[in-house]
Amino acid sequence: MLCCVAVKGEQSDFFNVTCGVKQGCVLAPTLFALYFAVVIRETLKRTSEGIRIRFRTDGNLFNRARLKARTKVSYTTITEIMYADDLCFVADTCEFLQALISCLNDVCCKFGLSINVKKTEVMAMNIDEQLLVPDFLIGNSKLKQVESFKYLGSIVTHKGNLDAEVNQRICAAAAAFGKLQPKEVISGFSEYNEVHERSLPERRTQTKRPAHPGQSEIY
């Protein structure tokens, strides 16, 4: 791929670029996904830590009593939760989590990548409040420990409940309704019967539309 640099309207000589893609190239997301998948695969080769869970695939997902059966129950170990370049490691001990972080950092350095320490956080879930959680490090940098964080638009808390997530959704819905024109919201109910009794062609011309049709479709 040949590129050049433009400075004050003047272009430099063309030169070869042997890595990367052009800005906005449609191949960029796919190439990065393939590249990062190899990084994760190499990381998991060096460690087997994670959280072991039980599951069944024969229906009734939310019936927890069925997981106590001695048959028809399968086991698997979850180490990472990943979507695009958002990666979440899970482990059942602090030592295992630090081992995962260190392995990932070593592999990223090997592949020419660097972890953004400022955007990386650690959260301990369902532990004794008196238990002292040790510091987690990426190289010599200490990671921030939090009680909640947002992952793919949803709030995850250290208590493992959905209270914060539900409150966020309620606030988002209230804000969406607040963006509708007050006239449409207030008069829509008072004039419904009057509009409903009119003929169909006349009703079409007088039906009120919200200011944000996308929001009204959602809610």
Protein backbone atom coordinates (compact mmCIF):
# COMPACT_ATOMS: atom_id res chain seq x y z
CA MET A 1 0.00 0.00 0.00
CA LEU A 2 1.35 3.41 -1.01
CA CYS A 3 0.71 6.50 1.11
CA CYS A 4 1.77 10.12 1.23
CA VAL A 5 1.52 13.00 3.69
CA ALA A 6 -0.11 16.34 2.83
CA VAL A 7 1.20 19.44 4.64
CA LYS A 8 -0.20 22.89 3.82
CA GLY A 9 -1.53 21.65 0.51
CA GLU A 10 1.71 20.03 -0.58
CA GLN A 11 2.10 16.26 -0.83
CA SER A 12 5.19 14.31 0.06
CA ASP A 13 6.61 11.51 -2.04
CA PHE A 14 4.74 8.20 -1.86
CA PHE A 15 6.14 5.54 0.45
CA ASN A 16 5.27 1.92 1.21
CA VAL A 17 3.16 0.97 4.25
CA THR A 18 3.58 -2.67 5.17
CA CYS A 19 1.28 -2.87 8.21
CA GLY A 20 -2.21 -1.69 9.07
CA VAL A 21 -5.07 -0.63 6.81
CA LYS A 22 -6.41 2.65 5.54
CA GLN A 23 -8.52 4.72 7.91
CA GLY A 24 -12.16 3.69 7.60
CA CYS A 25 -11.33 0.48 5.74
CA VAL A 26 -14.17 -2.06 6.04
CA LEU A 27 -11.62 -4.83 6.61
CA ALA A 28 -10.28 -3.22 9.79
CA PRO A 29 -12.85 -4.70 12.27
CA THR A 30 -12.51 -8.21 10.82
CA LEU A 31 -8.72 -8.10 10.76
CA PHE A 32 -8.58 -6.81 14.33
CA ALA A 33 -11.00 -9.51 15.51
CA LEU A 34 -8.80 -12.20 13.97
CA TYR A 35 -5.65 -10.65 15.39
CA PHE A 36 -7.06 -10.23 18.89
CA ALA A 37 -8.52 -13.75 18.86
CA VAL A 38 -4.99 -15.10 18.44
CA VAL A 39 -3.85 -12.93 21.36
CA ILE A 40 -6.53 -14.41 23.63
CA ARG A 41 -5.83 -17.94 22.41
CA GLU A 42 -2.14 -17.54 23.18
CA THR A 43 -2.98 -16.14 26.62
CA LEU A 44 -5.25 -19.05 27.53
CA LYS A 45 -2.55 -21.53 26.50
CA ARG A 46 -0.44 -20.29 29.39
CA THR A 47 -3.10 -20.54 32.09
CA SER A 48 -6.28 -22.49 32.80
CA GLU A 49 -7.76 -20.35 35.57
CA GLY A 50 -11.37 -19.23 35.51
CA ILE A 51 -14.77 -19.86 37.05
CA ARG A 52 -16.24 -23.36 36.81
CA ILE A 53 -20.00 -23.41 36.24
CA ARG A 54 -22.69 -26.06 35.92
CA PHE A 55 -25.32 -25.91 33.21
CA ARG A 56 -28.03 -27.89 31.45
CA THR A 57 -29.27 -27.57 27.89
CA ASP A 58 -32.62 -29.33 28.17
CA GLY A 59 -34.79 -26.32 29.02
CA ASN A 60 -36.00 -24.49 32.14
CA LEU A 61 -32.99 -22.19 32.30
CA PHE A 62 -34.06 -20.36 35.47
CA ASN A 63 -34.92 -23.45 37.53
CA ARG A 64 -31.82 -23.60 39.73
CA ALA A 65 -32.96 -26.76 41.51
CA ARG A 66 -32.41 -28.75 38.32
CA LEU A 67 -28.68 -27.97 38.49
CA LYS A 68 -28.39 -30.12 41.62
CA ALA A 69 -29.12 -33.28 39.67
CA ARG A 70 -26.33 -35.83 39.33
CA THR A 71 -27.14 -36.54 35.69
CA LYS A 72 -27.71 -34.35 32.64
CA VAL A 73 -25.51 -31.66 34.19
CA SER A 74 -22.44 -30.40 32.31
CA TYR A 75 -19.49 -28.35 33.51
CA THR A 76 -17.35 -25.73 31.82
CA THR A 77 -14.78 -23.13 32.82
CA ILE A 78 -15.31 -19.49 31.85
CA THR A 79 -12.16 -17.43 31.70
CA GLU A 80 -13.03 -14.46 29.52
CA ILE A 81 -16.10 -12.53 28.39
CA MET A 82 -15.27 -10.69 25.20
CA TYR A 83 -17.04 -8.55 22.63
CA ALA A 84 -14.96 -6.80 19.95
CA ASP A 85 -12.11 -5.16 21.91
CA ASP A 86 -13.96 -5.16 25.26
CA LEU A 87 -12.46 -7.94 27.36
CA CYS A 88 -13.42 -9.09 30.84
CA PHE A 89 -11.44 -11.74 32.73
CA VAL A 90 -13.12 -13.72 35.53
CA ALA A 91 -11.48 -15.83 38.24
CA ASP A 92 -12.43 -17.24 41.63
CA THR A 93 -9.27 -16.12 43.45
CA CYS A 94 -7.13 -12.99 43.44
CA GLU A 95 -4.04 -15.02 42.57
CA PHE A 96 -5.66 -16.53 39.49
CA LEU A 97 -6.90 -13.14 38.29
CA GLN A 98 -3.45 -11.59 38.64
CA ALA A 99 -2.01 -14.53 36.70
CA LEU A 100 -4.50 -13.93 33.87
CA ILE A 101 -3.70 -10.22 33.78
CA SER A 102 0.04 -10.85 33.71
CA CYS A 103 -0.27 -13.45 30.95
CA LEU A 104 -2.39 -11.13 28.83
CA ASN A 105 0.05 -8.27 29.30
CA ASP A 106 3.00 -10.45 28.26
CA VAL A 107 1.21 -11.70 25.15
CA CYS A 108 0.06 -8.19 24.18
CA CYS A 109 3.63 -6.95 24.39
CA LYS A 110 4.72 -9.87 22.21
CA PHE A 111 2.11 -8.96 19.58
CA GLY A 112 2.83 -5.23 19.65
CA LEU A 113 -0.26 -4.23 21.66
CA SER A 114 -0.54 -2.33 24.94
CA ILE A 115 -3.29 -2.44 27.58
CA ASN A 116 -4.87 0.89 28.50
CA VAL A 117 -4.35 0.95 32.27
CA LYS A 118 -6.64 3.96 32.77
CA LYS A 119 -9.57 2.08 31.22
CA THR A 120 -8.88 -1.19 33.03
CA GLU A 121 -10.66 -1.79 36.34
CA VAL A 122 -10.95 -4.62 38.87
CA MET A 123 -14.09 -5.53 40.80
CA ALA A 124 -14.49 -8.15 43.54
CA MET A 125 -17.97 -9.70 43.76
CA ASN A 126 -19.81 -11.35 46.66
CA ILE A 127 -16.93 -11.28 49.13
CA ASP A 128 -16.69 -10.55 52.84
CA GLU A 129 -16.55 -6.78 53.36
CA GLN A 130 -13.77 -7.26 55.92
CA LEU A 131 -11.61 -9.14 53.43
CA LEU A 132 -8.73 -7.04 52.14
CA VAL A 133 -8.45 -7.27 48.36
CA PRO A 134 -4.82 -7.01 47.19
CA ASP A 135 -3.63 -4.66 44.48
CA PHE A 136 -3.63 -5.86 40.89
CA LEU A 137 -0.83 -4.80 38.58
CA ILE A 138 -0.18 -4.45 34.88
CA GLY A 139 3.57 -4.23 34.80
CA ASN A 140 4.33 -1.65 37.49
CA SER A 141 0.97 0.14 37.18
CA LYS A 142 -1.71 -0.47 39.81
CA LEU A 143 -5.25 -1.03 38.55
CA LYS A 144 -8.21 0.86 39.97
CA GLN A 145 -10.63 -1.17 42.10
CA VAL A 146 -14.32 -0.27 41.79
CA GLU A 147 -17.68 -1.40 43.14
CA SER A 148 -19.45 -1.13 39.78
CA PHE A 149 -18.67 -0.59 36.12
CA LYS A 150 -20.51 -0.49 32.82
CA TYR A 151 -19.92 -3.36 30.42
CA LEU A 152 -21.56 -3.21 26.98
CA GLY A 153 -24.10 -0.68 28.24
CA SER A 154 -25.14 -2.61 31.36
CA ILE A 155 -24.09 -1.84 34.93
CA VAL A 156 -22.40 -4.67 36.80
CA THR A 157 -22.05 -4.26 40.59
CA HIS A 158 -20.02 -6.00 43.28
CA LYS A 159 -23.25 -7.21 44.90
CA GLY A 160 -24.27 -9.10 41.78
CA ASN A 161 -27.82 -7.68 41.69
CA LEU A 162 -29.66 -5.61 39.08
CA ASP A 163 -30.74 -2.65 41.23
CA ALA A 164 -28.35 -0.15 39.61
CA GLU A 165 -29.12 -1.47 36.12
CA VAL A 166 -32.90 -1.19 36.63
CA ASN A 167 -32.56 2.35 37.98
CA GLN A 168 -30.45 3.32 34.97
CA ARG A 169 -33.07 1.94 32.57
CA ILE A 170 -35.85 3.81 34.38
CA CYS A 171 -33.90 7.08 34.19
CA ALA A 172 -33.18 6.51 30.49
CA ALA A 173 -36.87 5.88 29.80
CA ALA A 174 -37.87 9.00 31.75
CA ALA A 175 -35.35 11.08 29.81
CA ALA A 176 -36.66 9.70 26.50
CA PHE A 177 -40.24 10.59 27.40
CA GLY A 178 -39.08 14.01 28.52
CA LYS A 179 -37.75 14.71 25.02
CA LEU A 180 -41.21 14.31 23.53
CA GLN A 181 -43.03 17.56 22.86
CA PRO A 182 -45.24 18.37 25.88
CA LYS A 183 -48.18 19.23 23.61
CA GLU A 184 -48.16 15.79 22.08
CA VAL A 185 -47.99 13.96 25.40
CA ILE A 186 -50.57 16.05 27.24
CA SER A 187 -53.14 16.52 24.50
CA GLY A 188 -52.81 13.03 23.07
CA PHE A 189 -55.06 11.46 25.70
CA SER A 190 -57.56 14.30 25.99
CA GLU A 191 -58.24 14.37 22.27
CA TYR A 192 -58.16 10.62 21.68
CA ASN A 193 -61.92 10.08 21.87
CA GLU A 194 -62.63 13.07 19.66
CA VAL A 195 -60.17 11.93 17.01
CA HIS A 196 -61.29 8.30 17.27
CA GLU A 197 -64.91 9.15 16.43
CA ARG A 198 -64.06 10.97 13.20
CA SER A 199 -63.94 9.34 9.81
CA LEU A 200 -60.78 7.47 8.79
CA PRO A 201 -59.50 9.98 6.15
CA GLU A 202 -60.04 12.87 8.52
CA ARG A 203 -58.42 10.97 11.38
CA ARG A 204 -55.28 10.40 9.32
CA THR A 205 -54.75 14.12 8.86
CA GLN A 206 -55.26 14.99 12.53
CA THR A 207 -53.42 12.19 14.32
CA LYS A 208 -50.56 13.68 16.32
CA ARG A 209 -47.02 12.34 15.98
CA PRO A 210 -44.36 12.43 18.68
CA ALA A 211 -41.23 14.49 18.14
CA HIS A 212 -39.03 11.38 18.40
CA PRO A 213 -40.73 8.45 16.63
CA GLY A 214 -37.81 6.15 17.39
CA GLN A 215 -38.30 6.59 21.12
CA SER A 216 -42.04 6.01 20.89
CA GLU A 217 -41.42 2.75 19.03
CA ILE A 218 -39.18 1.51 21.85
CA TYR A 219 -41.41 2.44 24.73
